[in-house]
């Protein structure tokens, strides 16, 4: 390692400009994450009809990208630790673009599935490395808000996808496109509108790719790789010359204590952190949140709302998701992670029970279903949806953070795939009402787990959180 005194910059105080730039660009990975997962909601009915799919095939179409996400999340940590966070995020941007293009032009259902799998790889990579990258740049006192910016960007991506689907459908219904005689474009925009819905993702994917070239590599990763001069130059821009020695030496000391092996997570000091991260990831999907994202129009149709109306209401639900995610981002560093997580999950559980009751009535009051879905989404946005990516970026030591994030995000996407794939079949077997009751049971168990296992991390440096786990497991090991 380079001696710190061999490199001292001229600035005495840092600038937040670089941090803001890095976080905004990296959070675009979240926009693409949200857009790619949500855009499918407007296409399911059309694709089902065009290719004559049964309910299992519908579930496969709705969840195919999640297989790619599982693979992407599993390999992204190793790749990010080896080649750097920024470089692998560039790869994810390319995958998003190729997926959007491939989903616009497939000649068969199999080709469409392959394109969705490619997009899933991009989702999995971005879901691990974007929040990790942001957390490694962020000062402790505002890290929660900056990492929560990633969740806000996911919500923005979801809302953009909902609005894009509605807008594309609206253009077709107004018959104002004027593509007569242009066979390919007419097929994409009019006769098979789902193709245009997928194709709109190419624009944000290209923007993400270009902007990633404007930001630097993570200073913690650079130090781990022995590139101290580059790391110190970046740290000085963030923290200033006065804070640079403490920040640099703290990171170096933290890295010197770790062997970098994933198996360390099962050793005293990090076993509890592993359990906490896995619980967050798995229970986060068993809230049913992505069922609303993927199958929202179908759920609203079951409540008696036509397809065009369902798309409009889904835009409204997406807007509420955005507003309450922004509120959580504002309060996460003052109120803390635990209160948002625990009290918010209690509200999620209650709203799921009410939705289940509404679907069990002989005559379903559709406006009440929409209202409760809005309350449900607001509760999720203000609690686990905002908190999960913050906590997952904070729980693990620098030396193995990439691999650890891969493991828990792999669990997240595995649970996501399970719920998305099985939901159409589950509803056909036990009904919509019982499905919501089942999700409510999972949310109740999740609330108890979070109360017992998740610590408060606001205001702590990543190295202080690491020491907390060591001390906590040491106390548990005492006779």
Protein backbone atom coordinates (compact mmCIF):
# COMPACT_ATOMS: atom_id res chain seq x y z
CA UNK A 1 0.00 0.00 0.00
CA UNK A 2 1.16 3.58 -0.65
CA UNK A 3 1.99 5.62 2.43
CA UNK A 4 -0.69 8.24 2.86
CA UNK A 5 1.81 11.09 3.29
CA UNK A 6 3.15 10.49 -0.22
CA UNK A 7 -0.05 11.92 -1.68
CA UNK A 8 -1.75 15.00 -0.29
CA UNK A 9 -4.08 17.18 -2.31
CA UNK A 10 -4.51 20.90 -2.26
CA UNK A 11 -8.11 21.12 -1.16
CA UNK A 12 -8.84 21.44 2.53
CA UNK A 13 -12.50 20.60 2.27
CA UNK A 14 -14.39 18.25 0.04
CA UNK A 15 -17.11 18.84 -2.49
CA UNK A 16 -20.42 17.06 -2.67
CA UNK A 17 -20.57 17.56 -6.45
CA UNK A 18 -18.75 14.32 -7.26
CA UNK A 19 -20.89 12.32 -4.85
CA UNK A 20 -24.09 13.73 -6.37
CA UNK A 21 -22.82 13.06 -9.90
CA UNK A 22 -21.85 9.48 -9.09
CA UNK A 23 -25.10 8.72 -7.29
CA UNK A 24 -27.31 10.19 -10.02
CA UNK A 25 -25.54 8.27 -12.79
CA UNK A 26 -25.42 4.98 -10.87
CA UNK A 27 -29.07 5.35 -9.93
CA UNK A 28 -29.96 5.25 -13.63
CA UNK A 29 -29.24 1.55 -13.28
CA UNK A 30 -32.23 1.55 -10.95
CA UNK A 31 -34.37 3.33 -13.55
CA UNK A 32 -33.57 0.57 -16.03
CA UNK A 33 -34.11 -2.07 -13.35
CA UNK A 34 -37.58 -0.67 -12.63
CA UNK A 35 -38.46 -0.06 -16.28
CA UNK A 36 -37.45 -3.53 -17.42
CA UNK A 37 -39.34 -5.31 -14.66
CA UNK A 38 -42.50 -3.19 -15.00
CA UNK A 39 -42.83 -2.77 -18.77
CA UNK A 40 -43.94 -6.38 -19.07
CA UNK A 41 -47.16 -5.65 -17.16
CA UNK A 42 -48.76 -4.00 -20.18
CA UNK A 43 -47.70 -6.74 -22.59
CA UNK A 44 -48.79 -9.93 -20.86
CA UNK A 45 -52.36 -10.08 -22.19
CA UNK A 46 -51.31 -9.29 -25.76
CA UNK A 47 -48.42 -11.77 -25.78
CA UNK A 48 -50.64 -14.43 -24.20
CA UNK A 49 -53.20 -14.00 -26.98
CA UNK A 50 -50.71 -13.76 -29.85
CA UNK A 51 -48.74 -16.88 -28.92
CA UNK A 52 -51.65 -18.85 -27.42
CA UNK A 53 -50.02 -19.29 -24.00
CA UNK A 54 -51.40 -21.36 -21.13
CA UNK A 55 -51.13 -20.13 -17.52
CA UNK A 56 -47.80 -21.86 -16.88
CA UNK A 57 -46.37 -20.26 -20.03
CA UNK A 58 -47.75 -16.89 -18.93
CA UNK A 59 -45.91 -17.35 -15.64
CA UNK A 60 -42.75 -18.26 -17.56
CA UNK A 61 -43.05 -15.14 -19.72
CA UNK A 62 -43.67 -12.96 -16.66
CA UNK A 63 -40.69 -14.37 -14.79
CA UNK A 64 -38.14 -15.21 -17.52
CA UNK A 65 -36.16 -12.02 -16.93
CA UNK A 66 -35.83 -13.05 -13.30
CA UNK A 67 -33.84 -16.15 -14.30
CA UNK A 68 -31.38 -13.80 -15.96
CA UNK A 69 -31.47 -11.58 -12.88
CA UNK A 70 -30.63 -14.54 -10.65
CA UNK A 71 -27.61 -15.39 -12.81
CA UNK A 72 -26.59 -11.74 -13.10
CA UNK A 73 -26.77 -11.16 -9.36
CA UNK A 74 -24.77 -14.31 -8.69
CA UNK A 75 -21.85 -13.39 -10.97
CA UNK A 76 -21.89 -9.61 -10.56
CA UNK A 77 -20.17 -9.54 -7.18
CA UNK A 78 -17.23 -11.64 -8.37
CA UNK A 79 -16.97 -9.60 -11.57
CA UNK A 80 -17.32 -6.32 -9.69
CA UNK A 81 -14.64 -7.32 -7.17
CA UNK A 82 -12.30 -8.38 -9.98
CA UNK A 83 -12.84 -5.75 -12.69
CA UNK A 84 -14.38 -2.85 -10.79
CA UNK A 85 -17.89 -1.61 -10.12
CA UNK A 86 -18.11 0.90 -12.98
CA UNK A 87 -16.85 -1.37 -15.74
CA UNK A 88 -19.38 -4.11 -14.96
CA UNK A 89 -22.17 -1.53 -14.77
CA UNK A 90 -21.22 -0.59 -18.35
CA UNK A 91 -21.77 -4.24 -19.27
CA UNK A 92 -25.23 -4.11 -17.68
CA UNK A 93 -26.13 -1.05 -19.78
CA UNK A 94 -25.23 -2.95 -22.96
CA UNK A 95 -27.35 -5.91 -21.83
CA UNK A 96 -30.37 -3.64 -21.19
CA UNK A 97 -30.08 -2.20 -24.70
CA UNK A 98 -29.73 -5.58 -26.39
CA UNK A 99 -32.71 -6.93 -24.45
CA UNK A 100 -34.93 -4.01 -25.44
CA UNK A 101 -33.94 -4.41 -29.10
CA UNK A 102 -34.40 -8.18 -28.99
CA UNK A 103 -37.81 -7.88 -27.32
CA UNK A 104 -38.97 -5.49 -30.05
CA UNK A 105 -38.07 -7.73 -32.99
CA UNK A 106 -38.58 -11.40 -31.95
CA UNK A 107 -40.03 -13.77 -34.54
CA UNK A 108 -41.11 -16.35 -31.96
CA UNK A 109 -42.01 -16.75 -28.30
CA UNK A 110 -38.67 -18.51 -27.69
CA UNK A 111 -36.74 -15.54 -29.13
CA UNK A 112 -38.73 -13.19 -26.89
CA UNK A 113 -37.86 -15.29 -23.84
CA UNK A 114 -34.15 -15.18 -24.76
CA UNK A 115 -34.29 -11.38 -25.04
CA UNK A 116 -35.99 -11.17 -21.64
CA UNK A 117 -33.28 -13.41 -20.15
CA UNK A 118 -30.59 -11.05 -21.49
CA UNK A 119 -32.36 -8.09 -19.88
CA UNK A 120 -32.54 -10.05 -16.66
CA UNK A 121 -28.76 -10.36 -16.64
CA UNK A 122 -28.56 -6.57 -16.77
CA UNK A 123 -31.11 -6.27 -13.96
CA UNK A 124 -29.20 -8.70 -11.74
CA UNK A 125 -25.88 -6.92 -12.28
CA UNK A 126 -27.33 -3.44 -11.70
CA UNK A 127 -29.30 -4.56 -8.62
CA UNK A 128 -26.05 -5.63 -6.93
CA UNK A 129 -23.46 -3.15 -8.11
CA UNK A 130 -25.39 0.14 -8.38
CA UNK A 131 -26.38 0.39 -4.65
CA UNK A 132 -23.01 -1.06 -3.63
CA UNK A 133 -21.21 1.54 -5.77
CA UNK A 134 -23.28 4.37 -4.29
CA UNK A 135 -22.71 3.17 -0.71
CA UNK A 136 -18.93 3.09 -1.24
CA UNK A 137 -18.93 6.75 -2.34
CA UNK A 138 -21.34 8.11 0.25
CA UNK A 139 -20.46 9.88 3.53
CA UNK A 140 -21.97 8.07 6.52
CA UNK A 141 -24.28 10.91 7.58
CA UNK A 142 -26.16 10.97 4.27
CA UNK A 143 -25.48 7.46 2.97
CA UNK A 144 -29.02 6.28 3.68
CA UNK A 145 -30.57 9.00 1.54
CA UNK A 146 -28.07 8.54 -1.27
CA UNK A 147 -28.49 4.76 -1.44
CA UNK A 148 -32.26 5.19 -1.11
CA UNK A 149 -31.93 7.33 -4.24
CA UNK A 150 -31.36 4.02 -6.01
CA UNK A 151 -34.73 2.74 -4.78
CA UNK A 152 -36.31 6.02 -5.85
CA UNK A 153 -34.82 5.52 -9.30
CA UNK A 154 -36.32 2.00 -9.46
CA UNK A 155 -39.71 3.49 -8.67
CA UNK A 156 -39.21 6.18 -11.30
CA UNK A 157 -38.37 3.43 -13.79
CA UNK A 158 -41.54 1.54 -12.86
CA UNK A 159 -43.66 4.68 -13.23
CA UNK A 160 -42.02 5.50 -16.58
CA UNK A 161 -42.80 1.97 -17.79
CA UNK A 162 -46.45 2.26 -16.72
CA UNK A 163 -46.78 5.66 -18.37
CA UNK A 164 -44.96 4.48 -21.50
CA UNK A 165 -47.30 1.48 -21.86
CA UNK A 166 -50.35 3.69 -21.42
CA UNK A 167 -49.00 6.30 -23.87
CA UNK A 168 -48.16 3.71 -26.54
CA UNK A 169 -51.63 2.18 -26.22
CA UNK A 170 -53.17 5.63 -26.39
CA UNK A 171 -51.35 6.45 -29.63
CA UNK A 172 -52.66 3.26 -31.21
CA UNK A 173 -56.23 3.91 -30.06
CA UNK A 174 -56.14 7.47 -31.47
CA UNK A 175 -54.96 6.02 -34.82
CA UNK A 176 -52.63 9.02 -35.12
CA UNK A 177 -49.36 7.29 -35.96
CA UNK A 178 -49.77 7.18 -39.73
CA UNK A 179 -47.64 4.15 -40.56
CA UNK A 180 -49.64 2.79 -43.46
CA UNK A 181 -47.32 1.18 -46.01
CA UNK A 182 -44.50 0.82 -43.46
CA UNK A 183 -44.97 -2.85 -42.65
CA UNK A 184 -42.33 -3.34 -39.94
CA UNK A 185 -43.10 -0.13 -38.04
CA UNK A 186 -46.83 -0.72 -38.35
CA UNK A 187 -46.33 -4.20 -36.86
CA UNK A 188 -44.30 -2.81 -33.96
CA UNK A 189 -46.44 0.22 -33.20
CA UNK A 190 -49.96 -0.85 -34.15
CA UNK A 191 -50.79 -4.48 -34.83
CA UNK A 192 -48.43 -5.87 -32.16
CA UNK A 193 -48.18 -2.94 -29.76
CA UNK A 194 -46.36 -4.92 -27.10
CA UNK A 195 -43.23 -4.69 -29.28
CA UNK A 196 -43.19 -0.89 -29.02
CA UNK A 197 -43.70 -1.11 -25.26
CA UNK A 198 -40.49 -3.13 -24.95
CA UNK A 199 -38.61 -1.01 -27.50
CA UNK A 200 -38.92 2.23 -25.54
CA UNK A 201 -36.31 0.89 -23.08
CA UNK A 202 -33.52 1.40 -25.62
CA UNK A 203 -33.41 5.14 -24.91
CA UNK A 204 -32.66 5.03 -21.14
CA UNK A 205 -30.26 2.12 -21.71
CA UNK A 206 -28.21 4.19 -24.15
CA UNK A 207 -28.23 7.19 -21.79
CA UNK A 208 -27.00 5.02 -18.90
CA UNK A 209 -24.15 3.66 -21.01
CA UNK A 210 -22.97 7.12 -22.08
CA UNK A 211 -23.15 8.71 -18.62
CA UNK A 212 -21.21 5.89 -16.93
CA UNK A 213 -18.11 7.09 -18.81
CA UNK A 214 -18.29 10.40 -16.89
CA UNK A 215 -17.81 8.98 -13.37
CA UNK A 216 -14.80 7.35 -11.61
CA UNK A 217 -14.27 3.93 -10.09
CA UNK A 218 -15.08 3.24 -6.41
CA UNK A 219 -12.20 4.45 -4.18
CA UNK A 220 -12.64 1.48 -1.85
CA UNK A 221 -12.23 -0.92 -4.77
CA UNK A 222 -9.18 1.00 -6.00
CA UNK A 223 -7.54 0.73 -2.56
CA UNK A 224 -8.31 -2.99 -2.47
CA UNK A 225 -6.52 -3.30 -5.82
CA UNK A 226 -3.48 -1.32 -4.60
CA UNK A 227 -4.29 1.77 -6.70
CA UNK A 228 -3.88 4.14 -3.78
CA UNK A 229 -3.04 7.34 -5.67
CA UNK A 230 -6.19 7.18 -7.77
CA UNK A 231 -8.26 6.31 -4.70
CA UNK A 232 -6.84 9.18 -2.64
CA UNK A 233 -7.50 11.68 -5.41
CA UNK A 234 -11.16 10.62 -5.45
CA UNK A 235 -11.47 10.53 -1.64
CA UNK A 236 -9.98 14.02 -1.42
CA UNK A 237 -12.54 15.34 -3.88
CA UNK A 238 -15.28 13.82 -1.72
CA UNK A 239 -14.03 14.54 1.81
CA UNK A 240 -11.33 17.19 1.47
CA UNK A 241 -7.68 17.08 2.55
CA UNK A 242 -8.41 17.32 6.28
CA UNK A 243 -10.62 14.24 6.35
CA UNK A 244 -8.60 12.27 3.83
CA UNK A 245 -6.06 10.69 6.27
CA UNK A 246 -8.75 9.29 8.55
CA UNK A 247 -10.91 8.03 5.68
CA UNK A 248 -8.01 6.48 3.79
CA UNK A 249 -6.42 4.79 6.81
CA UNK A 250 -9.78 3.47 8.05
CA UNK A 251 -10.42 1.78 4.71
CA UNK A 252 -6.89 0.38 4.57
CA UNK A 253 -7.17 -1.01 8.09
CA UNK A 254 -10.54 -2.58 7.29
CA UNK A 255 -9.19 -4.21 4.14
CA UNK A 256 -6.09 -5.53 5.89
CA UNK A 257 -8.23 -7.54 8.32
CA UNK A 258 -10.13 -9.51 5.68
CA UNK A 259 -9.18 -12.44 3.53
CA UNK A 260 -11.85 -11.69 0.94
CA UNK A 261 -13.44 -15.13 1.03
CA UNK A 262 -17.21 -15.50 0.95
CA UNK A 263 -17.00 -18.34 3.51
CA UNK A 264 -16.10 -15.71 6.11
CA UNK A 265 -19.77 -14.78 6.17
CA UNK A 266 -20.49 -18.06 7.92
CA UNK A 267 -17.87 -17.39 10.58
CA UNK A 268 -18.46 -15.60 13.91
CA UNK A 269 -18.60 -11.89 13.22
CA UNK A 270 -20.68 -12.05 10.06
CA UNK A 271 -23.02 -15.02 10.37
CA UNK A 272 -25.78 -12.83 11.79
CA UNK A 273 -25.19 -10.28 9.02
CA UNK A 274 -25.66 -13.04 6.44
CA UNK A 275 -28.94 -14.16 8.05
CA UNK A 276 -30.17 -10.56 8.23
CA UNK A 277 -29.37 -9.93 4.57
CA UNK A 278 -30.98 -13.16 3.40
CA UNK A 279 -34.10 -12.42 5.46
CA UNK A 280 -34.41 -8.94 3.98
CA UNK A 281 -34.03 -10.28 0.47
CA UNK A 282 -36.47 -13.19 0.74
CA UNK A 283 -39.16 -11.51 2.83
CA UNK A 284 -38.88 -8.45 0.58
CA UNK A 285 -40.31 -10.52 -2.27
CA UNK A 286 -42.89 -12.34 -0.17
CA UNK A 287 -44.63 -9.03 0.43
CA UNK A 288 -46.07 -9.55 -3.06
CA UNK A 289 -44.76 -6.20 -4.31
CA UNK A 290 -43.59 -7.47 -7.68
CA UNK A 291 -46.85 -9.30 -8.24
CA UNK A 292 -48.44 -5.84 -8.47
CA UNK A 293 -45.61 -4.66 -10.74
CA UNK A 294 -45.86 -7.62 -13.14
CA UNK A 295 -49.55 -8.54 -13.00
CA UNK A 296 -51.21 -5.29 -11.91
CA UNK A 297 -53.54 -4.99 -14.93
CA UNK A 298 -54.66 -8.61 -14.54
CA UNK A 299 -55.39 -8.08 -10.83
CA UNK A 300 -57.37 -4.92 -11.61
CA UNK A 301 -59.22 -6.77 -14.39
CA UNK A 302 -60.29 -9.36 -11.81
CA UNK A 303 -61.74 -6.45 -9.86
CA UNK A 304 -63.90 -5.53 -12.86
CA UNK A 305 -61.75 -2.81 -14.48
CA UNK A 306 -61.15 -2.87 -18.26
CA UNK A 307 -57.60 -2.99 -19.70
CA UNK A 308 -57.32 0.70 -20.60
CA UNK A 309 -58.64 1.68 -17.18
CA UNK A 310 -56.27 -0.79 -15.52
CA UNK A 311 -53.28 0.84 -17.21
CA UNK A 312 -54.45 4.27 -16.04
CA UNK A 313 -54.89 3.09 -12.46
CA UNK A 314 -51.49 1.42 -12.58
CA UNK A 315 -49.94 4.77 -13.49
CA UNK A 316 -51.67 6.24 -10.43
CA UNK A 317 -50.35 3.42 -8.22
CA UNK A 318 -46.89 4.00 -9.66
CA UNK A 319 -47.13 7.70 -8.86
CA UNK A 320 -48.05 6.95 -5.25
CA UNK A 321 -45.10 4.57 -5.12
CA UNK A 322 -42.85 7.41 -6.26
CA UNK A 323 -44.20 9.96 -3.77
CA UNK A 324 -43.84 7.70 -0.73
CA UNK A 325 -40.41 6.48 -1.82
CA UNK A 326 -39.33 10.14 -1.96
CA UNK A 327 -40.73 10.67 1.55
CA UNK A 328 -38.80 7.66 2.81
CA UNK A 329 -35.63 8.96 1.16
CA UNK A 330 -36.15 12.27 2.99
CA UNK A 331 -36.60 10.63 6.40
CA UNK A 332 -34.37 7.55 6.30
CA UNK A 333 -31.32 9.26 7.82
CA UNK A 334 -33.28 11.13 10.50
CA UNK A 335 -35.89 8.54 11.53
CA UNK A 336 -33.61 5.56 10.90
CA UNK A 337 -34.00 2.31 8.99
CA UNK A 338 -35.70 0.20 11.68
CA UNK A 339 -38.77 2.40 12.34
CA UNK A 340 -39.51 2.71 8.62
CA UNK A 341 -39.04 -1.02 8.13
CA UNK A 342 -41.03 -2.36 11.08
CA UNK A 343 -43.94 0.07 11.21
CA UNK A 344 -44.25 0.15 7.43
CA UNK A 345 -44.41 -3.65 7.24
CA UNK A 346 -47.20 -3.66 9.82
CA UNK A 347 -49.22 -1.42 7.49
CA UNK A 348 -48.40 -3.65 4.50
CA UNK A 349 -49.71 -6.70 6.35
CA UNK A 350 -52.95 -4.94 7.29
CA UNK A 351 -53.62 -3.67 3.77
CA UNK A 352 -53.07 -7.15 2.29
CA UNK A 353 -55.69 -8.59 4.65
CA UNK A 354 -58.20 -5.91 3.60
CA UNK A 355 -57.51 -6.53 -0.12
CA UNK A 356 -58.05 -10.25 0.43
CA UNK A 357 -61.39 -9.52 2.12
CA UNK A 358 -62.47 -7.27 -0.77
CA UNK A 359 -61.72 -9.99 -3.34
CA UNK A 360 -63.69 -12.50 -1.28
CA UNK A 361 -66.92 -10.44 -1.48
CA UNK A 362 -69.63 -11.60 -3.92
CA UNK A 363 -69.55 -8.23 -5.70
CA UNK A 364 -66.03 -6.77 -5.75
CA UNK A 365 -66.02 -2.99 -5.11
CA UNK A 366 -63.37 -2.09 -7.69
CA UNK A 367 -62.70 1.45 -6.46
CA UNK A 368 -61.99 0.12 -2.97
CA UNK A 369 -59.60 -2.45 -4.40
CA UNK A 370 -57.73 0.37 -6.17
CA UNK A 371 -57.70 2.46 -2.98
CA UNK A 372 -56.31 -0.38 -0.87
CA UNK A 373 -53.72 -1.23 -3.50
CA UNK A 374 -52.61 2.40 -3.29
CA UNK A 375 -52.32 2.16 0.52
CA UNK A 376 -50.48 -1.14 0.17
CA UNK A 377 -48.00 0.35 -2.32
CA UNK A 378 -47.52 3.48 -0.21
CA UNK A 379 -46.73 1.34 2.84
CA UNK A 380 -44.22 -0.73 0.89
CA UNK A 381 -42.58 2.34 -0.63
CA UNK A 382 -42.20 3.98 2.79
CA UNK A 383 -40.71 0.88 4.40
CA UNK A 384 -38.95 -2.17 2.98
CA UNK A 385 -38.77 -0.98 -0.63
CA UNK A 386 -36.74 2.07 0.42
CA UNK A 387 -34.79 0.41 3.21
CA UNK A 388 -33.73 -2.89 1.67
CA UNK A 389 -31.13 -1.59 -0.79
CA UNK A 390 -29.72 0.79 1.80
CA UNK A 391 -29.23 -1.99 4.34
CA UNK A 392 -27.89 -4.53 1.86
CA UNK A 393 -25.22 -2.02 0.83
CA UNK A 394 -24.26 -1.43 4.45
CA UNK A 395 -24.18 -4.83 6.12
CA UNK A 396 -20.94 -6.35 4.79
CA UNK A 397 -17.18 -5.65 4.96
CA UNK A 398 -15.48 -3.94 2.02
CA UNK A 399 -13.25 -6.87 1.12
CA UNK A 400 -16.18 -9.23 0.45
CA UNK A 401 -19.02 -6.76 -0.02
CA UNK A 402 -19.39 -7.53 -3.73
CA UNK A 403 -19.63 -11.29 -3.19
CA UNK A 404 -21.92 -10.91 -0.18
CA UNK A 405 -24.22 -8.58 -2.11
CA UNK A 406 -24.31 -11.17 -4.90
CA UNK A 407 -25.40 -13.88 -2.49
CA UNK A 408 -28.23 -11.96 -0.82
CA UNK A 409 -29.38 -10.41 -4.11
CA UNK A 410 -29.36 -13.90 -5.63
CA UNK A 411 -31.76 -14.89 -2.84
CA UNK A 412 -33.85 -11.81 -3.59
CA UNK A 413 -34.20 -12.66 -7.26
CA UNK A 414 -34.77 -16.34 -6.52
CA UNK A 415 -37.74 -15.46 -4.30
CA UNK A 416 -38.89 -12.93 -6.91
CA UNK A 417 -38.87 -15.61 -9.62
CA UNK A 418 -40.76 -18.04 -7.42
CA UNK A 419 -43.58 -15.61 -6.67
CA UNK A 420 -43.80 -14.25 -10.23
CA UNK A 421 -43.75 -17.68 -11.87
CA UNK A 422 -46.28 -19.27 -9.52
CA UNK A 423 -48.73 -16.36 -9.13
CA UNK A 424 -50.94 -17.02 -12.22
CA UNK A 425 -51.12 -20.71 -11.30
CA UNK A 426 -51.69 -19.93 -7.60
CA UNK A 427 -54.63 -17.64 -8.37
CA UNK A 428 -56.18 -20.31 -10.62
CA UNK A 429 -55.93 -22.85 -7.76
CA UNK A 430 -56.76 -20.93 -4.55
CA UNK A 431 -58.23 -17.68 -5.88
CA UNK A 432 -57.16 -14.04 -5.72
CA UNK A 433 -58.44 -13.51 -2.17
CA UNK A 434 -56.53 -16.44 -0.65
CA UNK A 435 -53.38 -15.39 -2.52
CA UNK A 436 -53.45 -11.99 -0.80
CA UNK A 437 -54.11 -13.62 2.58
CA UNK A 438 -51.04 -15.80 2.02
CA UNK A 439 -48.87 -12.76 1.33
CA UNK A 440 -50.24 -11.16 4.53
CA UNK A 441 -49.02 -14.17 6.57
CA UNK A 442 -45.53 -13.77 5.11
CA UNK A 443 -45.55 -10.06 5.95
CA UNK A 444 -46.50 -10.80 9.56
CA UNK A 445 -43.58 -13.22 9.89
CA UNK A 446 -41.30 -10.70 8.20
CA UNK A 447 -42.20 -8.00 10.71
CA UNK A 448 -41.20 -10.26 13.60
CA UNK A 449 -37.94 -11.21 11.87
CA UNK A 450 -36.98 -7.61 11.18
CA UNK A 451 -37.67 -6.64 14.79
CA UNK A 452 -35.33 -9.34 16.03
CA UNK A 453 -32.55 -9.31 13.44
CA UNK A 454 -32.10 -5.91 11.78
CA UNK A 455 -29.92 -3.33 13.58
CA UNK A 456 -30.10 0.43 13.21
CA UNK A 457 -27.29 1.61 10.92
CA UNK A 458 -28.03 5.30 10.43
CA UNK A 459 -25.03 7.59 10.94
CA UNK A 460 -22.52 4.74 11.19
CA UNK A 461 -19.59 4.30 8.83
CA UNK A 462 -19.37 1.02 6.95
CA UNK A 463 -16.41 0.08 9.14
CA UNK A 464 -18.39 0.78 12.34
CA UNK A 465 -21.21 -1.46 11.10
CA UNK A 466 -18.65 -4.17 10.47
CA UNK A 467 -17.41 -3.90 14.05
CA UNK A 468 -21.00 -4.07 15.31
CA UNK A 469 -21.45 -7.51 13.74
CA UNK A 470 -18.17 -8.74 15.19
CA UNK A 471 -19.08 -7.54 18.68
CA UNK A 472 -22.66 -8.89 18.46
CA UNK A 473 -21.58 -12.36 17.36
CA UNK A 474 -18.86 -12.39 20.00
CA UNK A 475 -21.49 -11.72 22.67
CA UNK A 476 -23.70 -14.48 21.28
CA UNK A 477 -20.77 -16.89 21.45
CA UNK A 478 -20.08 -16.23 25.14
CA UNK A 479 -21.24 -19.05 27.47
